Amino acid sequence: MTTYTHILDLAEEAEPPADGILSKTIYQDDQIKAVVFGFGQGQELSEHTAATA
């Protein structure tokens, strides 16, 4: 049986802060982790690496 996660309003999950960056895990299981980011005005994501298990 396949299960699904339905997020009705993805933008609502990442309400951008006035300043800075918000990162929020919206789903995680044994195989995947989904993270949504919200950026305050003038913010950007710098070059980075993702940790893997």
C-alpha atoms as a PDB file:
ATOM      1  CA  MET A   1       0.000   0.000   0.000  1.00  0.00           C
ATOM      2  CA  THR A   2       1.308   3.450  -0.933  1.00  0.00           C
ATOM      3  CA  THR A   3       0.682   6.349   1.414  1.00  0.00           C
ATOM      4  CA  TYR A   4       0.744  10.023   0.494  1.00  0.00           C
ATOM      5  CA  THR A   5       1.208  13.307   2.309  1.00  0.00           C
ATOM      6  CA  HIS A   6      -0.756  16.191   0.813  1.00  0.00           C
ATOM      7  CA  ILE A   7       0.189  19.742   1.803  1.00  0.00           C
ATOM      8  CA  LEU A   8      -2.617  22.087   0.821  1.00  0.00           C
ATOM      9  CA  ASP A   9      -0.677  25.364   0.883  1.00  0.00           C
ATOM     10  CA  LEU A  10       3.080  25.023   0.681  1.00  0.00           C
ATOM     11  CA  ALA A  11       3.595  28.798   0.808  1.00  0.00           C
ATOM     12  CA  GLU A  12       1.792  28.901   4.150  1.00  0.00           C
ATOM     13  CA  GLU A  13       4.285  26.382   5.532  1.00  0.00           C
ATOM     14  CA  ALA A  14       7.189  28.770   4.828  1.00  0.00           C
ATOM     15  CA  GLU A  15       5.907  32.155   5.931  1.00  0.00           C
ATOM     16  CA  PRO A  16       9.031  34.281   5.425  1.00  0.00           C
ATOM     17  CA  PRO A  17      10.397  36.012   8.514  1.00  0.00           C
ATOM     18  CA  ALA A  18      10.861  39.790   8.517  1.00  0.00           C
ATOM     19  CA  ASP A  19      14.614  39.210   8.646  1.00  0.00           C
ATOM     20  CA  GLY A  20      16.642  36.031   8.270  1.00  0.00           C
ATOM     21  CA  ILE A  21      15.840  32.599   6.919  1.00  0.00           C
ATOM     22  CA  LEU A  22      13.288  30.052   8.106  1.00  0.00           C
ATOM     23  CA  SER A  23      13.854  26.356   7.396  1.00  0.00           C
ATOM     24  CA  LYS A  24      11.120  23.912   8.323  1.00  0.00           C
ATOM     25  CA  THR A  25      10.952  20.148   7.853  1.00  0.00           C
ATOM     26  CA  ILE A  26       7.511  19.465   6.396  1.00  0.00           C
ATOM     27  CA  TYR A  27       7.924  15.715   5.926  1.00  0.00           C
ATOM     28  CA  GLN A  28      10.409  13.043   6.946  1.00  0.00           C
ATOM     29  CA  ASP A  29      10.472   9.261   6.786  1.00  0.00           C
ATOM     30  CA  ASP A  30      13.116   6.546   6.398  1.00  0.00           C
ATOM     31  CA  GLN A  31      13.904   7.540   2.797  1.00  0.00           C
ATOM     32  CA  ILE A  32      13.291  11.263   2.400  1.00  0.00           C
ATOM     33  CA  LYS A  33      13.324  14.572   4.221  1.00  0.00           C
ATOM     34  CA  ALA A  34      11.482  17.528   2.671  1.00  0.00           C
ATOM     35  CA  VAL A  35      12.464  20.978   3.905  1.00  0.00           C
ATOM     36  CA  VAL A  36      10.842  24.241   2.873  1.00  0.00           C
ATOM     37  CA  PHE A  37      12.637  27.579   3.197  1.00  0.00           C
ATOM     38  CA  GLY A  38      11.267  31.086   3.732  1.00  0.00           C
ATOM     39  CA  PHE A  39      13.558  34.058   3.114  1.00  0.00           C
ATOM     40  CA  GLY A  40      13.294  37.548   4.558  1.00  0.00           C
ATOM     41  CA  GLN A  41      13.794  40.441   2.157  1.00  0.00           C
ATOM     42  CA  GLY A  42      17.353  40.536   0.827  1.00  0.00           C
ATOM     43  CA  GLN A  43      18.238  37.083   2.188  1.00  0.00           C
ATOM     44  CA  GLU A  44      19.621  34.250   0.092  1.00  0.00           C
ATOM     45  CA  LEU A  45      20.822  30.701   0.563  1.00  0.00           C
ATOM     46  CA  SER A  46      24.601  30.515   0.501  1.00  0.00           C
ATOM     47  CA  GLU A  47      26.504  27.652  -1.074  1.00  0.00           C
ATOM     48  CA  HIS A  48      26.342  24.628   1.209  1.00  0.00           C
ATOM     49  CA  THR A  49      26.393  20.872   1.432  1.00  0.00           C
ATOM     50  CA  ALA A  50      23.589  18.707   2.779  1.00  0.00           C
ATOM     51  CA  ALA A  51      24.361  16.132   5.435  1.00  0.00           C
ATOM     52  CA  THR A  52      23.279  12.621   4.493  1.00  0.00           C
ATOM     53  CA  ALA A  53      22.925   9.598   6.667  1.00  0.00           C
END
